[in-house]
Amino acid sequence: MTIGGLVAAVVLGAAVGVLGRFVVPGRERMPVWLLMAVGVVAAFGGTGLVHLSSLGDGGWNPWEALFQIILPVAAVVLVAAFWPRRTGR
C-alpha cells in the first residue's frame, strides 16, 4: 500500500463516517469519533481486500476506491444498528 492509498483510506473512511451521521437513523446515538473510526478501519479493510484479491495493480485503482467507500458505508450502518440506545439521563 502506498502513502496515497493510506491517505485515501483515512480521508474516505472519515468522510463516510461523518456522512453516516446524517444518513443513519437515530444518528444522535453514536459519537462522531466512533463513526469516523469505524469508517477509517473499514476503508483499510477494503484496501486490504482489494490487494488480497489481486485487483490492485498499483497507482490509482477504481476497485480500491470503490471498496474504500462501500465497506465503510456497510460498517457504519452495521455498527449504528447494534449500538445501544441511550436511556433517559
Protein backbone atom coordinates (compact mmCIF):
# COMPACT_ATOMS: atom_id res chain seq x y z
CA MET A 1 0.00 0.00 0.00
CA THR A 2 1.36 3.38 -0.95
CA ILE A 3 1.20 6.62 1.01
CA GLY A 4 -1.53 7.78 -1.36
CA GLY A 5 -3.56 4.67 -0.57
CA LEU A 6 -3.18 5.28 3.16
CA VAL A 7 -4.25 8.89 2.83
CA ALA A 8 -7.20 7.93 0.62
CA ALA A 9 -8.33 5.30 3.14
CA VAL A 10 -8.20 7.78 6.02
CA VAL A 11 -9.93 10.59 4.11
CA LEU A 12 -12.63 8.43 2.52
CA GLY A 13 -13.25 6.47 5.72
CA ALA A 14 -13.57 9.59 7.84
CA ALA A 15 -15.82 11.26 5.26
CA VAL A 16 -18.10 8.24 5.04
CA GLY A 17 -18.19 8.06 8.83
CA VAL A 18 -19.22 11.70 9.15
CA LEU A 19 -21.79 11.36 6.36
CA GLY A 20 -23.13 8.30 8.17
CA ARG A 21 -24.12 10.64 10.98
CA PHE A 22 -26.66 12.25 8.65
CA VAL A 23 -27.85 9.10 6.91
CA VAL A 24 -28.20 6.53 9.69
CA PRO A 25 -31.48 6.75 11.59
CA GLY A 26 -31.04 7.53 15.27
CA ARG A 27 -27.93 9.45 14.43
CA GLU A 28 -27.69 11.06 17.85
CA ARG A 29 -26.90 7.71 19.46
CA MET A 30 -23.31 7.35 18.25
CA PRO A 31 -20.46 9.79 18.78
CA VAL A 32 -18.87 11.28 15.65
CA TRP A 33 -15.41 9.99 16.59
CA LEU A 34 -16.76 6.42 16.61
CA LEU A 35 -18.35 6.81 13.19
CA MET A 36 -15.09 8.19 11.81
CA ALA A 37 -13.04 5.41 13.40
CA VAL A 38 -15.36 2.73 12.00
CA GLY A 39 -15.15 4.34 8.56
CA VAL A 40 -11.36 4.53 8.59
CA VAL A 41 -10.90 0.94 9.80
CA ALA A 42 -13.38 -0.35 7.20
CA ALA A 43 -11.62 1.65 4.46
CA PHE A 44 -8.33 -0.01 5.41
CA GLY A 45 -10.16 -3.33 5.30
CA GLY A 46 -11.41 -2.51 1.81
CA THR A 47 -7.90 -1.69 0.69
CA GLY A 48 -6.62 -4.95 2.14
CA LEU A 49 -9.42 -6.90 0.48
CA VAL A 50 -8.57 -5.42 -2.92
CA HIS A 51 -4.91 -6.31 -2.52
CA LEU A 52 -5.67 -9.82 -1.30
CA SER A 53 -7.92 -10.46 -4.27
CA SER A 54 -5.24 -9.21 -6.70
CA LEU A 55 -7.49 -6.45 -8.05
CA GLY A 56 -4.93 -3.80 -7.09
CA ASP A 57 -2.16 -3.17 -9.57
CA GLY A 58 -0.53 -0.08 -8.07
CA GLY A 59 -1.34 3.54 -8.64
CA TRP A 60 -4.92 4.77 -8.58
CA ASN A 61 -7.30 1.87 -8.76
CA PRO A 62 -11.08 2.20 -9.18
CA TRP A 63 -11.63 -1.10 -7.32
CA GLU A 64 -9.73 0.20 -4.33
CA ALA A 65 -11.72 3.44 -4.30
CA LEU A 66 -14.98 1.52 -4.63
CA PHE A 67 -14.13 -0.84 -1.76
CA GLN A 68 -12.94 2.12 0.35
CA ILE A 69 -16.42 3.58 0.02
CA ILE A 70 -18.69 0.52 0.11
CA LEU A 71 -17.14 -1.22 3.12
CA PRO A 72 -17.24 1.86 5.39
CA VAL A 73 -20.87 2.50 4.45
CA ALA A 74 -21.78 -1.07 5.36
CA ALA A 75 -19.72 -0.92 8.57
CA VAL A 76 -21.27 2.36 9.73
CA VAL A 77 -24.77 1.02 9.10
CA LEU A 78 -23.97 -2.21 10.97
CA VAL A 79 -22.38 -0.50 13.96
CA ALA A 80 -25.23 2.01 14.15
CA ALA A 81 -27.77 -0.81 14.07
CA PHE A 82 -26.15 -2.60 17.02
CA TRP A 83 -25.11 0.46 19.03
CA PRO A 84 -27.14 0.57 22.28
CA ARG A 85 -29.83 3.16 22.57
CA ARG A 86 -29.45 5.89 25.15
CA THR A 87 -31.73 5.74 28.12
CA GLY A 88 -33.04 8.84 29.83
CA ARG A 89 -30.46 10.78 31.81
